[in-house]
Amino acid sequence: MHRAKSMRLRGAALAVLVIGALMSGPVAAASKGGGGDKGGRTRTVTGTCSVSPNPVANGAQYTISGTGYNPGQMLDVFSGDGGIVFAQANGDGNFTTWDRASFLNTGTKTVNVYEMGDRHMTVLATCSFDVY
């Protein structure tokens, strides 16, 4: 009886080790590779952005467009003095979103594009526009 109990404990310990090894494989694979995150996906760093019209009148609507992103990639677009708009790249890796120029001060404003959820806030693209 003592031998049977010992065999069950060894079997349970072996099962735990095997399951642990199987579960750690995907985690280790996801953390490898420079610039990869979220399950091994690699962030694009070749994105571009542009604003039209440029210059834009304060109070008027403007469009922010971008190319070179991963299809379906969700993006945070920070515009000017703290405005945030969201966009999703289409199947060709392009996005278009809009905002209204409602700035306290006129002048040159910067747009930064980030991957949504990127806690490191890696800038994928930057562009600027003028507000008058």
Protein backbone atom coordinates (compact mmCIF):
# COMPACT_ATOMS: atom_id res chain seq x y z
CA MET A 1 0.00 0.00 0.00
CA HIS A 2 2.82 2.35 0.84
CA ARG A 3 4.41 1.56 -2.53
CA ALA A 4 1.17 2.39 -4.42
CA LYS A 5 0.88 5.76 -2.68
CA SER A 6 4.50 6.54 -3.52
CA MET A 7 3.90 5.69 -7.18
CA ARG A 8 0.84 7.97 -7.32
CA LEU A 9 2.83 10.86 -5.87
CA ARG A 10 5.63 10.32 -8.38
CA GLY A 11 3.09 10.16 -11.20
CA ALA A 12 1.45 13.41 -10.02
CA ALA A 13 4.83 15.13 -9.71
CA LEU A 14 5.79 14.00 -13.19
CA ALA A 15 2.48 15.27 -14.60
CA VAL A 16 3.03 18.69 -13.00
CA LEU A 17 6.54 18.89 -14.45
CA VAL A 18 5.37 17.92 -17.94
CA ILE A 19 2.48 20.39 -17.91
CA GLY A 20 4.77 23.15 -16.61
CA ALA A 21 7.29 22.48 -19.37
CA LEU A 22 4.59 22.52 -22.03
CA MET A 23 3.11 25.78 -20.76
CA SER A 24 6.45 27.58 -20.51
CA GLY A 25 7.30 26.92 -24.18
CA PRO A 26 4.86 29.48 -25.66
CA VAL A 27 5.79 32.06 -23.02
CA ALA A 28 9.48 31.73 -23.80
CA ALA A 29 8.83 31.86 -27.54
CA ALA A 30 6.72 35.00 -27.19
CA SER A 31 9.44 36.84 -25.31
CA LYS A 32 12.16 36.09 -27.87
CA GLY A 33 13.00 38.29 -30.82
CA GLY A 34 13.87 41.94 -30.77
CA GLY A 35 10.86 44.21 -30.80
CA GLY A 36 8.31 41.42 -30.49
CA ASP A 37 5.47 41.53 -28.04
CA LYS A 38 1.96 40.26 -27.51
CA GLY A 39 2.48 36.67 -28.51
CA GLY A 40 5.47 37.24 -30.75
CA ARG A 41 3.97 39.87 -33.04
CA THR A 42 6.54 42.36 -34.21
CA ARG A 43 5.70 46.03 -34.09
CA THR A 44 6.06 47.88 -37.34
CA VAL A 45 8.49 50.78 -37.28
CA THR A 46 8.04 51.90 -40.87
CA GLY A 47 4.74 53.72 -40.45
CA THR A 48 4.19 57.24 -41.69
CA CYS A 49 1.57 59.87 -40.95
CA SER A 50 0.37 63.11 -42.50
CA VAL A 51 -2.21 65.78 -41.72
CA SER A 52 -4.52 67.56 -44.14
CA PRO A 53 -5.29 70.33 -44.61
CA ASN A 54 -2.01 71.78 -43.49
CA PRO A 55 -2.18 74.49 -42.25
CA VAL A 56 -5.56 74.13 -40.54
CA ALA A 57 -7.70 76.87 -39.03
CA ASN A 58 -8.28 76.59 -35.28
CA GLY A 59 -11.80 75.21 -34.89
CA ALA A 60 -11.77 73.37 -38.22
CA GLN A 61 -11.73 69.62 -38.80
CA TYR A 62 -8.50 67.99 -39.97
CA THR A 63 -7.65 64.47 -41.13
CA ILE A 64 -4.72 62.34 -39.99
CA SER A 65 -3.69 59.57 -42.39
CA GLY A 66 -0.99 56.95 -42.23
CA THR A 67 0.55 54.11 -44.20
CA GLY A 68 2.93 51.22 -43.51
CA TYR A 69 1.17 49.60 -40.53
CA ASN A 70 0.23 45.97 -39.94
CA PRO A 71 -3.23 45.11 -41.33
CA GLY A 72 -5.79 45.42 -38.54
CA GLN A 73 -3.33 47.10 -36.18
CA MET A 74 -5.07 49.21 -33.53
CA LEU A 75 -3.49 52.64 -33.10
CA ASP A 76 -3.52 55.50 -30.59
CA VAL A 77 -2.98 58.84 -32.33
CA PHE A 78 -1.88 61.66 -30.03
CA SER A 79 -2.45 65.03 -31.64
CA GLY A 80 -1.20 68.44 -30.61
CA ASP A 81 -1.71 69.47 -26.99
CA GLY A 82 -3.11 66.20 -25.66
CA GLY A 83 -5.88 65.17 -28.04
CA ILE A 84 -6.19 61.41 -28.48
CA VAL A 85 -8.00 59.69 -31.34
CA PHE A 86 -8.08 56.01 -32.20
CA ALA A 87 -7.66 54.30 -35.54
CA GLN A 88 -7.35 50.84 -37.04
CA ALA A 89 -5.20 50.06 -40.04
CA ASN A 90 -7.14 48.54 -42.93
CA GLY A 91 -6.12 45.42 -44.84
CA ASP A 92 -3.48 47.40 -46.74
CA GLY A 93 -1.94 48.82 -43.53
CA ASN A 94 -3.39 52.32 -43.99
CA PHE A 95 -5.48 54.36 -41.55
CA THR A 96 -7.47 57.57 -41.63
CA THR A 97 -9.00 59.37 -38.67
CA TRP A 98 -10.06 62.93 -37.92
CA ASP A 99 -10.21 65.46 -35.12
CA ARG A 100 -11.21 69.07 -34.63
CA ALA A 101 -8.51 71.69 -34.11
CA SER A 102 -9.44 73.11 -30.71
CA PHE A 103 -6.13 74.35 -29.40
CA LEU A 104 -5.50 77.09 -26.87
CA ASN A 105 -2.50 78.31 -28.85
CA THR A 106 -1.83 78.37 -32.57
CA GLY A 107 1.45 77.22 -34.09
CA THR A 108 3.08 73.92 -35.00
CA LYS A 109 1.51 70.80 -33.47
CA THR A 110 2.98 67.30 -33.40
CA VAL A 111 1.19 64.00 -34.06
CA ASN A 112 2.58 60.76 -32.61
CA VAL A 113 1.23 57.33 -33.56
CA TYR A 114 1.52 54.42 -31.11
CA GLU A 115 0.27 50.85 -31.10
CA MET A 116 -2.80 50.69 -28.88
CA GLY A 117 -1.97 49.04 -25.58
CA ASP A 118 1.80 49.51 -25.89
CA ARG A 119 2.76 50.39 -22.34
CA HIS A 120 6.25 51.39 -23.55
CA MET A 121 4.63 53.91 -25.91
CA THR A 122 7.01 53.24 -28.79
CA VAL A 123 6.44 55.92 -31.43
CA LEU A 124 5.59 54.25 -34.75
CA ALA A 125 5.35 57.51 -36.70
CA THR A 126 5.45 61.22 -36.12
CA CYS A 127 4.39 64.19 -38.22
CA SER A 128 3.47 67.81 -37.62
CA PHE A 129 1.03 70.43 -38.83
CA ASP A 130 0.41 74.13 -38.39
CA VAL A 131 -2.65 75.70 -36.75
CA TYR A 132 -3.54 79.33 -37.46
